[in-house]
PDB file of N, CA and C in Angstrom:
ATOM      1  N   MET A   1      13.740   7.350  34.313  1.00  0.00           N
ATOM      2  CA  MET A   1      15.007   6.678  34.031  1.00  0.00           C
ATOM      3  C   MET A   1      16.092   7.291  34.902  1.00  0.00           C
ATOM      4  N   ASN A   2      16.962   6.424  35.427  1.00  0.00           N
ATOM      5  CA  ASN A   2      18.153   6.915  36.113  1.00  0.00           C
ATOM      6  C   ASN A   2      19.306   5.982  35.780  1.00  0.00           C
ATOM      7  N   LEU A   3      20.508   6.491  35.995  1.00  0.00           N
ATOM      8  CA  LEU A   3      21.725   5.751  35.715  1.00  0.00           C
ATOM      9  C   LEU A   3      22.602   5.766  36.957  1.00  0.00           C
ATOM     10  N   THR A   4      23.322   4.678  37.194  1.00  0.00           N
ATOM     11  CA  THR A   4      24.224   4.580  38.335  1.00  0.00           C
ATOM     12  C   THR A   4      25.659   4.582  37.833  1.00  0.00           C
ATOM     13  N   ILE A   5      26.459   5.492  38.391  1.00  0.00           N
ATOM     14  CA  ILE A   5      27.870   5.599  38.023  1.00  0.00           C
ATOM     15  C   ILE A   5      28.688   5.658  39.297  1.00  0.00           C
ATOM     16  N   SER A   6      29.561   4.685  39.477  1.00  0.00           N
ATOM     17  CA  SER A   6      30.378   4.606  40.692  1.00  0.00           C
ATOM     18  C   SER A   6      31.369   5.766  40.759  1.00  0.00           C
ATOM     19  N   GLN A   7      31.883   5.986  41.961  1.00  0.00           N
ATOM     20  CA  GLN A   7      32.887   7.034  42.143  1.00  0.00           C
ATOM     21  C   GLN A   7      34.148   6.721  41.347  1.00  0.00           C
ATOM     22  N   ALA A   8      34.508   5.457  41.234  1.00  0.00           N
ATOM     23  CA  ALA A   8      35.706   5.073  40.477  1.00  0.00           C
ATOM     24  C   ALA A   8      35.583   5.501  39.012  1.00  0.00           C
ATOM     25  N   ILE A   9      34.421   5.270  38.404  1.00  0.00           N
ATOM     26  CA  ILE A   9      34.236   5.677  37.006  1.00  0.00           C
ATOM     27  C   ILE A   9      34.134   7.192  36.911  1.00  0.00           C
ATOM     28  N   ARG A  10      33.499   7.833  37.871  1.00  0.00           N
ATOM     29  CA  ARG A  10      33.454   9.309  37.883  1.00  0.00           C
ATOM     30  C   ARG A  10      34.876   9.876  37.946  1.00  0.00           C
ATOM     31  N   ASP A  11      35.733   9.228  38.723  1.00  0.00           N
ATOM     32  CA  ASP A  11      37.128   9.673  38.818  1.00  0.00           C
ATOM     33  C   ASP A  11      37.839   9.529  37.468  1.00  0.00           C
ATOM     34  N   GLU A  12      37.550   8.442  36.744  1.00  0.00           N
ATOM     35  CA  GLU A  12      38.136   8.259  35.410  1.00  0.00           C
ATOM     36  C   GLU A  12      37.679   9.363  34.459  1.00  0.00           C
ATOM     37  N   LEU A  13      36.401   9.719  34.518  1.00  0.00           N
ATOM     38  CA  LEU A  13      35.869  10.772  33.655  1.00  0.00           C
ATOM     39  C   LEU A  13      36.550  12.100  33.968  1.00  0.00           C
ATOM     40  N   HIS A  14      36.689  12.395  35.269  1.00  0.00           N
ATOM     41  CA  HIS A  14      37.362  13.631  35.668  1.00  0.00           C
ATOM     42  C   HIS A  14      38.802  13.644  35.163  1.00  0.00           C
ATOM     43  N   GLN A  15      39.501  12.524  35.328  1.00  0.00           N
ATOM     44  CA  GLN A  15      40.906  12.468  34.928  1.00  0.00           C
ATOM     45  C   GLN A  15      41.059  12.661  33.426  1.00  0.00           C
ATOM     46  N   HIS A  16      40.185  12.043  32.652  1.00  0.00           N
ATOM     47  CA  HIS A  16      40.261  12.203  31.198  1.00  0.00           C
ATOM     48  C   HIS A  16      40.020  13.666  30.813  1.00  0.00           C
ATOM     49  N   ALA A  17      39.024  14.288  31.433  1.00  0.00           N
ATOM     50  CA  ALA A  17      38.734  15.701  31.150  1.00  0.00           C
ATOM     51  C   ALA A  17      39.918  16.578  31.528  1.00  0.00           C
ATOM     52  N   ALA A  18      40.530  16.303  32.674  1.00  0.00           N
ATOM     53  CA  ALA A  18      41.688  17.093  33.118  1.00  0.00           C
ATOM     54  C   ALA A  18      42.884  16.876  32.195  1.00  0.00           C
ATOM     55  N   ASP A  19      43.093  15.634  31.752  1.00  0.00           N
ATOM     56  CA  ASP A  19      44.216  15.321  30.857  1.00  0.00           C
ATOM     57  C   ASP A  19      44.105  16.058  29.525  1.00  0.00           C
ATOM     58  N   GLU A  20      42.885  16.225  29.025  1.00  0.00           N
ATOM     59  CA  GLU A  20      42.686  16.817  27.701  1.00  0.00           C
ATOM     60  C   GLU A  20      42.488  18.330  27.733  1.00  0.00           C
ATOM     61  N   ALA A  21      42.219  18.894  28.902  1.00  0.00           N
ATOM     62  CA  ALA A  21      41.986  20.344  28.996  1.00  0.00           C
ATOM     63  C   ALA A  21      43.179  21.100  28.426  1.00  0.00           C
ATOM     64  N   PRO A  22      42.944  22.198  27.715  1.00  0.00           N
ATOM     65  CA  PRO A  22      41.692  22.954  27.620  1.00  0.00           C
ATOM     66  C   PRO A  22      40.734  22.443  26.550  1.00  0.00           C
ATOM     67  N   ASN A  23      41.038  21.326  25.896  1.00  0.00           N
ATOM     68  CA  ASN A  23      40.136  20.784  24.884  1.00  0.00           C
ATOM     69  C   ASN A  23      39.086  19.882  25.514  1.00  0.00           C
ATOM     70  N   GLU A  24      37.998  19.660  24.785  1.00  0.00           N
ATOM     71  CA  GLU A  24      36.994  18.710  25.226  1.00  0.00           C
ATOM     72  C   GLU A  24      37.551  17.301  25.047  1.00  0.00           C
ATOM     73  N   CYS A  25      37.220  16.419  25.973  1.00  0.00           N
ATOM     74  CA  CYS A  25      37.542  15.009  25.814  1.00  0.00           C
ATOM     75  C   CYS A  25      36.252  14.283  25.467  1.00  0.00           C
ATOM     76  N   CYS A  26      36.364  13.034  25.033  1.00  0.00           N
ATOM     77  CA  CYS A  26      35.169  12.263  24.720  1.00  0.00           C
ATOM     78  C   CYS A  26      35.467  10.771  24.831  1.00  0.00           C
ATOM     79  N   GLY A  27      34.405  10.005  24.989  1.00  0.00           N
ATOM     80  CA  GLY A  27      34.527   8.565  25.103  1.00  0.00           C
ATOM     81  C   GLY A  27      33.151   7.936  25.196  1.00  0.00           C
ATOM     82  N   VAL A  28      33.119   6.687  25.629  1.00  0.00           N
ATOM     83  CA  VAL A  28      31.872   5.932  25.734  1.00  0.00           C
ATOM     84  C   VAL A  28      31.815   5.271  27.111  1.00  0.00           C
ATOM     85  N   ILE A  29      30.671   5.413  27.769  1.00  0.00           N
ATOM     86  CA  ILE A  29      30.432   4.730  29.031  1.00  0.00           C
ATOM     87  C   ILE A  29      29.585   3.505  28.714  1.00  0.00           C
ATOM     88  N   VAL A  30      30.021   2.348  29.217  1.00  0.00           N
ATOM     89  CA  VAL A  30      29.359   1.074  28.950  1.00  0.00           C
ATOM     90  C   VAL A  30      28.484   0.735  30.160  1.00  0.00           C
ATOM     91  N   PHE A  31      27.184   0.556  29.916  1.00  0.00           N
ATOM     92  CA  PHE A  31      26.213   0.279  30.972  1.00  0.00           C
ATOM     93  C   PHE A  31      25.619  -1.112  30.813  1.00  0.00           C
ATOM     94  N   LYS A  32      25.294  -1.709  31.941  1.00  0.00           N
ATOM     95  CA  LYS A  32      24.536  -2.961  31.979  1.00  0.00           C
ATOM     96  C   LYS A  32      23.412  -2.745  32.979  1.00  0.00           C
ATOM     97  N   ASP A  33      22.170  -2.844  32.526  1.00  0.00           N
ATOM     98  CA  ASP A  33      20.998  -2.651  33.386  1.00  0.00           C
ATOM     99  C   ASP A  33      21.053  -1.329  34.149  1.00  0.00           C
ATOM    100  N   GLY A  34      21.486  -0.264  33.477  1.00  0.00           N
ATOM    101  CA  GLY A  34      21.485   1.065  34.073  1.00  0.00           C
ATOM    102  C   GLY A  34      22.673   1.386  34.965  1.00  0.00           C
ATOM    103  N   THR A  35      23.594   0.451  35.111  1.00  0.00           N
ATOM    104  CA  THR A  35      24.780   0.668  35.942  1.00  0.00           C
ATOM    105  C   THR A  35      26.027   0.698  35.059  1.00  0.00           C
ATOM    106  N   ALA A  36      26.842   1.724  35.249  1.00  0.00           N
ATOM    107  CA  ALA A  36      28.063   1.852  34.452  1.00  0.00           C
ATOM    108  C   ALA A  36      29.031   0.738  34.822  1.00  0.00           C
ATOM    109  N   GLU A  37      29.481   0.004  33.803  1.00  0.00           N
ATOM    110  CA  GLU A  37      30.446  -1.081  33.995  1.00  0.00           C
ATOM    111  C   GLU A  37      31.871  -0.587  33.795  1.00  0.00           C
ATOM    112  N   ARG A  38      32.049   0.315  32.815  1.00  0.00           N
ATOM    113  CA  ARG A  38      33.390   0.843  32.536  1.00  0.00           C
ATOM    114  C   ARG A  38      33.303   2.054  31.618  1.00  0.00           C
ATOM    115  N   TYR A  39      34.425   2.743  31.534  1.00  0.00           N
ATOM    116  CA  TYR A  39      34.562   3.897  30.646  1.00  0.00           C
ATOM    117  C   TYR A  39      35.655   3.584  29.632  1.00  0.00           C
ATOM    118  N   VAL A  40      35.373   3.856  28.364  1.00  0.00           N
ATOM    119  CA  VAL A  40      36.344   3.640  27.298  1.00  0.00           C
ATOM    120  C   VAL A  40      36.721   5.013  26.742  1.00  0.00           C
ATOM    121  N   ARG A  41      37.990   5.385  26.953  1.00  0.00           N
ATOM    122  CA  ARG A  41      38.455   6.678  26.446  1.00  0.00           C
ATOM    123  C   ARG A  41      38.437   6.695  24.929  1.00  0.00           C
ATOM    124  N   GLY A  42      37.999   7.807  24.400  1.00  0.00           N
ATOM    125  CA  GLY A  42      38.069   8.035  22.969  1.00  0.00           C
ATOM    126  C   GLY A  42      39.038   9.184  22.721  1.00  0.00           C
ATOM    127  N   THR A  43      39.166   9.557  21.468  1.00  0.00           N
ATOM    128  CA  THR A  43      39.998  10.686  21.070  1.00  0.00           C
ATOM    129  C   THR A  43      39.109  11.728  20.417  1.00  0.00           C
ATOM    130  N   ASN A  44      39.326  12.975  20.782  1.00  0.00           N
ATOM    131  CA  ASN A  44      38.623  14.080  20.131  1.00  0.00           C
ATOM    132  C   ASN A  44      39.423  14.447  18.885  1.00  0.00           C
ATOM    133  N   LYS A  45      38.959  13.992  17.728  1.00  0.00           N
ATOM    134  CA  LYS A  45      39.675  14.254  16.477  1.00  0.00           C
ATOM    135  C   LYS A  45      39.814  15.742  16.176  1.00  0.00           C
ATOM    136  N   LEU A  46      38.928  16.561  16.739  1.00  0.00           N
ATOM    137  CA  LEU A  46      38.975  17.999  16.472  1.00  0.00           C
ATOM    138  C   LEU A  46      39.944  18.738  17.390  1.00  0.00           C
ATOM    139  N   ALA A  47      40.341  18.118  18.495  1.00  0.00           N
ATOM    140  CA  ALA A  47      41.240  18.749  19.471  1.00  0.00           C
ATOM    141  C   ALA A  47      40.830  20.199  19.699  1.00  0.00           C
ATOM    142  N   SER A  48      39.583  20.387  20.125  1.00  0.00           N
ATOM    143  CA  SER A  48      38.996  21.714  20.282  1.00  0.00           C
ATOM    144  C   SER A  48      38.401  21.899  21.673  1.00  0.00           C
ATOM    145  N   PRO A  49      38.445  23.123  22.220  1.00  0.00           N
ATOM    146  CA  PRO A  49      37.793  23.381  23.501  1.00  0.00           C
ATOM    147  C   PRO A  49      36.278  23.575  23.378  1.00  0.00           C
ATOM    148  N   TYR A  50      35.752  23.604  22.134  1.00  0.00           N
ATOM    149  CA  TYR A  50      34.339  23.922  21.925  1.00  0.00           C
ATOM    150  C   TYR A  50      33.545  22.840  21.202  1.00  0.00           C
ATOM    151  N   ARG A  51      34.230  21.888  20.599  1.00  0.00           N
ATOM    152  CA  ARG A  51      33.560  20.842  19.823  1.00  0.00           C
ATOM    153  C   ARG A  51      34.353  19.541  19.957  1.00  0.00           C
ATOM    154  N   TYR A  52      33.690  18.452  19.646  1.00  0.00           N
ATOM    155  CA  TYR A  52      34.417  17.184  19.632  1.00  0.00           C
ATOM    156  C   TYR A  52      33.896  16.320  18.493  1.00  0.00           C
ATOM    157  N   GLU A  53      34.752  15.434  18.057  1.00  0.00           N
ATOM    158  CA  GLU A  53      34.375  14.373  17.119  1.00  0.00           C
ATOM    159  C   GLU A  53      34.996  13.105  17.680  1.00  0.00           C
ATOM    160  N   LEU A  54      34.148  12.203  18.130  1.00  0.00           N
ATOM    161  CA  LEU A  54      34.585  10.989  18.824  1.00  0.00           C
ATOM    162  C   LEU A  54      35.228   9.993  17.871  1.00  0.00           C
ATOM    163  N   GLU A  55      36.444   9.618  18.221  1.00  0.00           N
ATOM    164  CA  GLU A  55      37.133   8.525  17.529  1.00  0.00           C
ATOM    165  C   GLU A  55      37.431   7.474  18.598  1.00  0.00           C
ATOM    166  N   ILE A  56      36.982   6.243  18.341  1.00  0.00           N
ATOM    167  CA  ILE A  56      37.121   5.191  19.344  1.00  0.00           C
ATOM    168  C   ILE A  56      37.262   3.844  18.629  1.00  0.00           C
ATOM    169  N   ASP A  57      37.818   2.866  19.314  1.00  0.00           N
ATOM    170  CA  ASP A  57      37.951   1.520  18.759  1.00  0.00           C
ATOM    171  C   ASP A  57      36.573   1.043  18.284  1.00  0.00           C
ATOM    172  N   PRO A  58      36.425   0.700  17.012  1.00  0.00           N
ATOM    173  CA  PRO A  58      35.123   0.272  16.485  1.00  0.00           C
ATOM    174  C   PRO A  58      34.521  -0.921  17.216  1.00  0.00           C
ATOM    175  N   GLU A  59      35.340  -1.727  17.870  1.00  0.00           N
ATOM    176  CA  GLU A  59      34.829  -2.889  18.608  1.00  0.00           C
ATOM    177  C   GLU A  59      33.862  -2.474  19.720  1.00  0.00           C
ATOM    178  N   VAL A  60      34.022  -1.267  20.234  1.00  0.00           N
ATOM    179  CA  VAL A  60      33.161  -0.789  21.327  1.00  0.00           C
ATOM    180  C   VAL A  60      31.693  -0.824  20.903  1.00  0.00           C
ATOM    181  N   TRP A  61      31.406  -0.450  19.657  1.00  0.00           N
ATOM    182  CA  TRP A  61      30.013  -0.380  19.203  1.00  0.00           C
ATOM    183  C   TRP A  61      29.339  -1.747  19.216  1.00  0.00           C
ATOM    184  N   PHE A  62      30.116  -2.819  19.083  1.00  0.00           N
ATOM    185  CA  PHE A  62      29.542  -4.162  19.063  1.00  0.00           C
ATOM    186  C   PHE A  62      29.122  -4.643  20.449  1.00  0.00           C
ATOM    187  N   LEU A  63      29.494  -3.921  21.505  1.00  0.00           N
ATOM    188  CA  LEU A  63      29.070  -4.295  22.853  1.00  0.00           C
ATOM    189  C   LEU A  63      27.550  -4.267  22.984  1.00  0.00           C
ATOM    190  N   GLU A  64      26.891  -3.441  22.168  1.00  0.00           N
ATOM    191  CA  GLU A  64      25.424  -3.403  22.198  1.00  0.00           C
ATOM    192  C   GLU A  64      24.845  -4.763  21.810  1.00  0.00           C
ATOM    193  N   ASP A  65      25.537  -5.466  20.933  1.00  0.00           N
ATOM    194  CA  ASP A  65      25.083  -6.806  20.523  1.00  0.00           C
ATOM    195  C   ASP A  65      25.164  -7.810  21.677  1.00  0.00           C
ATOM    196  N   ASP A  66      25.994  -7.506  22.678  1.00  0.00           N
ATOM    197  CA  ASP A  66      26.162  -8.376  23.845  1.00  0.00           C
ATOM    198  C   ASP A  66      25.287  -7.943  25.024  1.00  0.00           C
ATOM    199  N   GLY A  67      24.333  -7.045  24.771  1.00  0.00           N
ATOM    200  CA  GLY A  67      23.394  -6.647  25.823  1.00  0.00           C
ATOM    201  C   GLY A  67      23.797  -5.435  26.632  1.00  0.00           C
ATOM    202  N   TYR A  68      24.846  -4.745  26.225  1.00  0.00           N
ATOM    203  CA  TYR A  68      25.256  -3.530  26.924  1.00  0.00           C
ATOM    204  C   TYR A  68      24.590  -2.319  26.278  1.00  0.00           C
ATOM    205  N   ASP A  69      24.423  -1.277  27.068  1.00  0.00           N
ATOM    206  CA  ASP A  69      23.957   0.009  26.561  1.00  0.00           C
ATOM    207  C   ASP A  69      25.157   0.947  26.573  1.00  0.00           C
ATOM    208  N   LEU A  70      25.244   1.776  25.565  1.00  0.00           N
ATOM    209  CA  LEU A  70      26.361   2.697  25.444  1.00  0.00           C
ATOM    210  C   LEU A  70      25.869   4.131  25.562  1.00  0.00           C
ATOM    211  N   ALA A  71      26.666   4.956  26.196  1.00  0.00           N
ATOM    212  CA  ALA A  71      26.352   6.380  26.313  1.00  0.00           C
ATOM    213  C   ALA A  71      27.582   7.184  25.917  1.00  0.00           C
ATOM    214  N   VAL A  72      27.382   8.142  25.047  1.00  0.00           N
ATOM    215  CA  VAL A  72      28.474   9.034  24.661  1.00  0.00           C
ATOM    216  C   VAL A  72      28.737   9.992  25.815  1.00  0.00           C
ATOM    217  N   PHE A  73      30.009  10.238  26.054  1.00  0.00           N
ATOM    218  CA  PHE A  73      30.453  11.146  27.104  1.00  0.00           C
ATOM    219  C   PHE A  73      31.371  12.191  26.487  1.00  0.00           C
ATOM    220  N   HIS A  74      31.249  13.432  26.946  1.00  0.00           N
ATOM    221  CA  HIS A  74      32.252  14.441  26.600  1.00  0.00           C
ATOM    222  C   HIS A  74      32.309  15.484  27.711  1.00  0.00           C
ATOM    223  N   SER A  75      33.363  16.272  27.674  1.00  0.00           N
ATOM    224  CA  SER A  75      33.543  17.281  28.708  1.00  0.00           C
ATOM    225  C   SER A  75      33.302  18.679  28.158  1.00  0.00           C
ATOM    226  N   HIS A  76      32.948  19.565  29.068  1.00  0.00           N
ATOM    227  CA  HIS A  76      32.916  20.996  28.816  1.00  0.00           C
ATOM    228  C   HIS A  76      33.978  21.576  29.758  1.00  0.00           C
ATOM    229  N   PRO A  77      35.147  21.945  29.238  1.00  0.00           N
ATOM    230  CA  PRO A  77      36.243  22.373  30.110  1.00  0.00           C
ATOM    231  C   PRO A  77      35.921  23.584  31.002  1.00  0.00           C
ATOM    232  N   GLU A  78      35.189  24.552  30.488  1.00  0.00           N
ATOM    233  CA  GLU A  78      34.956  25.788  31.241  1.00  0.00           C
ATOM    234  C   GLU A  78      33.505  26.052  31.587  1.00  0.00           C
ATOM    235  N   THR A  79      32.570  25.365  30.932  1.00  0.00           N
ATOM    236  CA  THR A  79      31.157  25.689  31.115  1.00  0.00           C
ATOM    237  C   THR A  79      30.418  24.574  31.832  1.00  0.00           C
ATOM    238  N   GLU A  80      29.172  24.871  32.202  1.00  0.00           N
ATOM    239  CA  GLU A  80      28.384  23.877  32.927  1.00  0.00           C
ATOM    240  C   GLU A  80      28.054  22.685  32.025  1.00  0.00           C
ATOM    241  N   PRO A  81      27.808  21.531  32.619  1.00  0.00           N
ATOM    242  CA  PRO A  81      27.548  20.312  31.854  1.00  0.00           C
ATOM    243  C   PRO A  81      26.104  20.235  31.353  1.00  0.00           C
ATOM    244  N   ARG A  82      25.737  21.203  30.550  1.00  0.00           N
ATOM    245  CA  ARG A  82      24.403  21.278  29.954  1.00  0.00           C
ATOM    246  C   ARG A  82      24.583  21.215  28.443  1.00  0.00           C
ATOM    247  N   PRO A  83      23.724  20.487  27.725  1.00  0.00           N
ATOM    248  CA  PRO A  83      23.895  20.370  26.276  1.00  0.00           C
ATOM    249  C   PRO A  83      23.878  21.732  25.586  1.00  0.00           C
ATOM    250  N   SER A  84      24.894  21.969  24.791  1.00  0.00           N
ATOM    251  CA  SER A  84      24.981  23.207  24.019  1.00  0.00           C
ATOM    252  C   SER A  84      24.128  23.083  22.761  1.00  0.00           C
ATOM    253  N   LYS A  85      23.971  24.169  22.063  1.00  0.00           N
ATOM    254  CA  LYS A  85      23.261  24.143  20.787  1.00  0.00           C
ATOM    255  C   LYS A  85      23.946  23.151  19.844  1.00  0.00           C
ATOM    256  N   THR A  86      25.270  23.164  19.826  1.00  0.00           N
ATOM    257  CA  THR A  86      26.026  22.235  18.979  1.00  0.00           C
ATOM    258  C   THR A  86      25.749  20.792  19.388  1.00  0.00           C
ATOM    259  N   ASP A  87      25.731  20.513  20.709  1.00  0.00           N
ATOM    260  CA  ASP A  87      25.430  19.148  21.179  1.00  0.00           C
ATOM    261  C   ASP A  87      24.064  18.694  20.668  1.00  0.00           C
ATOM    262  N   ARG A  88      23.075  19.584  20.739  1.00  0.00           N
ATOM    263  CA  ARG A  88      21.724  19.231  20.289  1.00  0.00           C
ATOM    264  C   ARG A  88      21.699  18.982  18.779  1.00  0.00           C
ATOM    265  N   GLU A  89      22.395  19.825  18.035  1.00  0.00           N
ATOM    266  CA  GLU A  89      22.407  19.691  16.579  1.00  0.00           C
ATOM    267  C   GLU A  89      23.114  18.416  16.129  1.00  0.00           C
ATOM    268  N   LEU A  90      24.099  17.969  16.900  1.00  0.00           N
ATOM    269  CA  LEU A  90      24.882  16.802  16.510  1.00  0.00           C
ATOM    270  C   LEU A  90      24.411  15.500  17.166  1.00  0.00           C
ATOM    271  N   ALA A  91      23.274  15.537  17.858  1.00  0.00           N
ATOM    272  CA  ALA A  91      22.777  14.348  18.562  1.00  0.00           C
ATOM    273  C   ALA A  91      22.623  13.157  17.611  1.00  0.00           C
ATOM    274  N   GLY A  92      22.120  13.389  16.427  1.00  0.00           N
ATOM    275  CA  GLY A  92      22.042  12.377  15.380  1.00  0.00           C
ATOM    276  C   GLY A  92      21.607  11.006  15.847  1.00  0.00           C
ATOM    277  N   LEU A  93      22.469  10.012  15.657  1.00  0.00           N
ATOM    278  CA  LEU A  93      22.156   8.631  16.013  1.00  0.00           C
ATOM    279  C   LEU A  93      21.957   8.448  17.516  1.00  0.00           C
ATOM    280  N   TRP A  94      22.441   9.382  18.311  1.00  0.00           N
ATOM    281  CA  TRP A  94      22.320   9.269  19.761  1.00  0.00           C
ATOM    282  C   TRP A  94      21.066   9.929  20.283  1.00  0.00           C
ATOM    283  N   SER A  95      20.265  10.468  19.393  1.00  0.00           N
ATOM    284  CA  SER A  95      19.037  11.132  19.797  1.00  0.00           C
ATOM    285  C   SER A  95      18.181  10.190  20.643  1.00  0.00           C
ATOM    286  N   GLY A  96      17.828  10.637  21.825  1.00  0.00           N
ATOM    287  CA  GLY A  96      16.990   9.852  22.721  1.00  0.00           C
ATOM    288  C   GLY A  96      17.738   8.864  23.599  1.00  0.00           C
ATOM    289  N   LYS A  97      19.046   8.716  23.392  1.00  0.00           N
ATOM    290  CA  LYS A  97      19.858   7.820  24.228  1.00  0.00           C
ATOM    291  C   LYS A  97      20.601   8.649  25.274  1.00  0.00           C
ATOM    292  N   PRO A  98      21.072   8.016  26.347  1.00  0.00           N
ATOM    293  CA  PRO A  98      21.829   8.761  27.356  1.00  0.00           C
ATOM    294  C   PRO A  98      23.096   9.393  26.781  1.00  0.00           C
ATOM    295  N   PHE A  99      23.349  10.586  27.238  1.00  0.00           N
ATOM    296  CA  PHE A  99      24.446  11.415  26.751  1.00  0.00           C
ATOM    297  C   PHE A  99      24.979  12.131  27.988  1.00  0.00           C
ATOM    298  N   LEU A 100      26.236  11.904  28.365  1.00  0.00           N
ATOM    299  CA  LEU A 100      26.763  12.459  29.609  1.00  0.00           C
ATOM    300  C   LEU A 100      27.780  13.553  29.332  1.00  0.00           C
ATOM    301  N   ILE A 101      27.715  14.587  30.155  1.00  0.00           N
ATOM    302  CA  ILE A 101      28.623  15.725  30.019  1.00  0.00           C
ATOM    303  C   ILE A 101      29.232  16.009  31.386  1.00  0.00           C
ATOM    304  N   TYR A 102      30.541  16.234  31.387  1.00  0.00           N
ATOM    305  CA  TYR A 102      31.251  16.586  32.621  1.00  0.00           C
ATOM    306  C   TYR A 102      31.755  18.019  32.516  1.00  0.00           C
ATOM    307  N   GLY A 103      31.358  18.848  33.453  1.00  0.00           N
ATOM    308  CA  GLY A 103      31.848  20.223  33.530  1.00  0.00           C
ATOM    309  C   GLY A 103      33.103  20.236  34.382  1.00  0.00           C
ATOM    310  N   LEU A 104      34.258  20.310  33.737  1.00  0.00           N
ATOM    311  CA  LEU A 104      35.528  20.210  34.455  1.00  0.00           C
ATOM    312  C   LEU A 104      35.698  21.325  35.477  1.00  0.00           C
ATOM    313  N   ALA A 105      35.468  22.561  35.076  1.00  0.00           N
ATOM    314  CA  ALA A 105      35.669  23.694  35.988  1.00  0.00           C
ATOM    315  C   ALA A 105      34.758  23.587  37.208  1.00  0.00           C
ATOM    316  N   LEU A 106      33.569  23.007  37.026  1.00  0.00           N
ATOM    317  CA  LEU A 106      32.601  22.887  38.118  1.00  0.00           C
ATOM    318  C   LEU A 106      32.663  21.527  38.815  1.00  0.00           C
ATOM    319  N   ARG A 107      33.450  20.593  38.234  1.00  0.00           N
ATOM    320  CA  ARG A 107      33.531  19.221  38.750  1.00  0.00           C
ATOM    321  C   ARG A 107      32.136  18.616  38.903  1.00  0.00           C
ATOM    322  N   GLU A 108      31.360  18.719  37.829  1.00  0.00           N
ATOM    323  CA  GLU A 108      29.969  18.274  37.873  1.00  0.00           C
ATOM    324  C   GLU A 108      29.660  17.385  36.669  1.00  0.00           C
ATOM    325  N   LEU A 109      29.055  16.218  36.929  1.00  0.00           N
ATOM    326  CA  LEU A 109      28.643  15.288  35.892  1.00  0.00           C
ATOM    327  C   LEU A 109      27.120  15.280  35.820  1.00  0.00           C
ATOM    328  N   ARG A 110      26.594  15.401  34.594  1.00  0.00           N
ATOM    329  CA  ARG A 110      25.146  15.347  34.399  1.00  0.00           C
ATOM    330  C   ARG A 110      24.854  14.499  33.163  1.00  0.00           C
ATOM    331  N   ALA A 111      23.651  13.919  33.144  1.00  0.00           N
ATOM    332  CA  ALA A 111      23.237  13.052  32.035  1.00  0.00           C
ATOM    333  C   ALA A 111      21.966  13.607  31.409  1.00  0.00           C
ATOM    334  N   TRP A 112      21.844  13.373  30.102  1.00  0.00           N
ATOM    335  CA  TRP A 112      20.739  13.939  29.335  1.00  0.00           C
ATOM    336  C   TRP A 112      20.251  12.959  28.276  1.00  0.00           C
ATOM    337  N   LYS A 113      18.998  13.129  27.887  1.00  0.00           N
ATOM    338  CA  LYS A 113      18.486  12.567  26.647  1.00  0.00           C
ATOM    339  C   LYS A 113      18.313  13.778  25.750  1.00  0.00           C
ATOM    340  N   ILE A 114      18.928  13.738  24.563  1.00  0.00           N
ATOM    341  CA  ILE A 114      18.950  14.903  23.693  1.00  0.00           C
ATOM    342  C   ILE A 114      18.292  14.586  22.358  1.00  0.00           C
ATOM    343  N   ALA A 115      17.449  15.471  21.947  1.00  0.00           N
ATOM    344  CA  ALA A 115      16.939  15.490  20.579  1.00  0.00           C
ATOM    345  C   ALA A 115      17.146  16.935  20.118  1.00  0.00           C
ATOM    346  N   ARG A 116      17.041  17.174  18.842  1.00  0.00           N
ATOM    347  CA  ARG A 116      17.336  18.510  18.323  1.00  0.00           C
ATOM    348  C   ARG A 116      16.567  19.607  19.074  1.00  0.00           C
ATOM    349  N   ASP A 117      15.285  19.382  19.324  1.00  0.00           N
ATOM    350  CA  ASP A 117      14.463  20.420  19.943  1.00  0.00           C
ATOM    351  C   ASP A 117      14.076  20.121  21.383  1.00  0.00           C
ATOM    352  N   GLU A 118      14.578  19.030  21.938  1.00  0.00           N
ATOM    353  CA  GLU A 118      14.152  18.630  23.274  1.00  0.00           C
ATOM    354  C   GLU A 118      15.329  18.079  24.064  1.00  0.00           C
ATOM    355  N   VAL A 119      15.436  18.531  25.307  1.00  0.00           N
ATOM    356  CA  VAL A 119      16.492  18.062  26.191  1.00  0.00           C
ATOM    357  C   VAL A 119      15.847  17.679  27.519  1.00  0.00           C
ATOM    358  N   GLU A 120      16.153  16.462  27.980  1.00  0.00           N
ATOM    359  CA  GLU A 120      15.585  15.978  29.243  1.00  0.00           C
ATOM    360  C   GLU A 120      16.713  15.450  30.112  1.00  0.00           C
ATOM    361  N   GLU A 121      16.774  15.916  31.356  1.00  0.00           N
ATOM    362  CA  GLU A 121      17.843  15.451  32.241  1.00  0.00           C
ATOM    363  C   GLU A 121      17.509  14.059  32.787  1.00  0.00           C
ATOM    364  N   ILE A 122      18.540  13.250  32.939  1.00  0.00           N
ATOM    365  CA  ILE A 122      18.445  11.902  33.499  1.00  0.00           C
ATOM    366  C   ILE A 122      19.107  11.934  34.866  1.00  0.00           C
ATOM    367  N   GLU A 123      18.439  11.369  35.852  1.00  0.00           N
ATOM    368  CA  GLU A 123      19.003  11.343  37.210  1.00  0.00           C
ATOM    369  C   GLU A 123      20.204  10.404  37.271  1.00  0.00           C
ATOM    370  N   LEU A 124      21.274  10.894  37.926  1.00  0.00           N
ATOM    371  CA  LEU A 124      22.471  10.078  38.133  1.00  0.00           C
ATOM    372  C   LEU A 124      22.549   9.669  39.598  1.00  0.00           C
ATOM    373  N   LEU A 125      22.828   8.394  39.815  1.00  0.00           N
ATOM    374  CA  LEU A 125      22.996   7.857  41.170  1.00  0.00           C
ATOM    375  C   LEU A 125      24.445   7.418  41.337  1.00  0.00           C
ATOM    376  N   ASP A 126      24.897   7.352  42.600  1.00  0.00           N
ATOM    377  CA  ASP A 126      26.260   6.902  42.892  1.00  0.00           C
ATOM    378  C   ASP A 126      26.309   5.394  43.016  1.00  0.00           C
TER     379      ASP A 126
END
């Protein structure tokens, strides 16, 4: 599996992470056939540099009914974009679905499939 994310959407992800630093930001990336169509900013209800709780317009979730795939996105302001223990523990409903993390300090975006005990990287294309 691989995902395609344009530079324009990568720039949006970077900007959101920079705007929210030193806290983590979060949102949803909307995909169609493996290609990112857009990014929908969410709010980190926890306003924390170490954890996030995604708050987003509930209408976004209904895009799946229209044939879109959704991927949760969040930033790691100071650390590498690798799933933390907390990320793995909170995978919940997103277990096995694409999950993207942006390392702001490193300016690096990576994608993962996360389950509590298993993490698999997904290749990202431009």
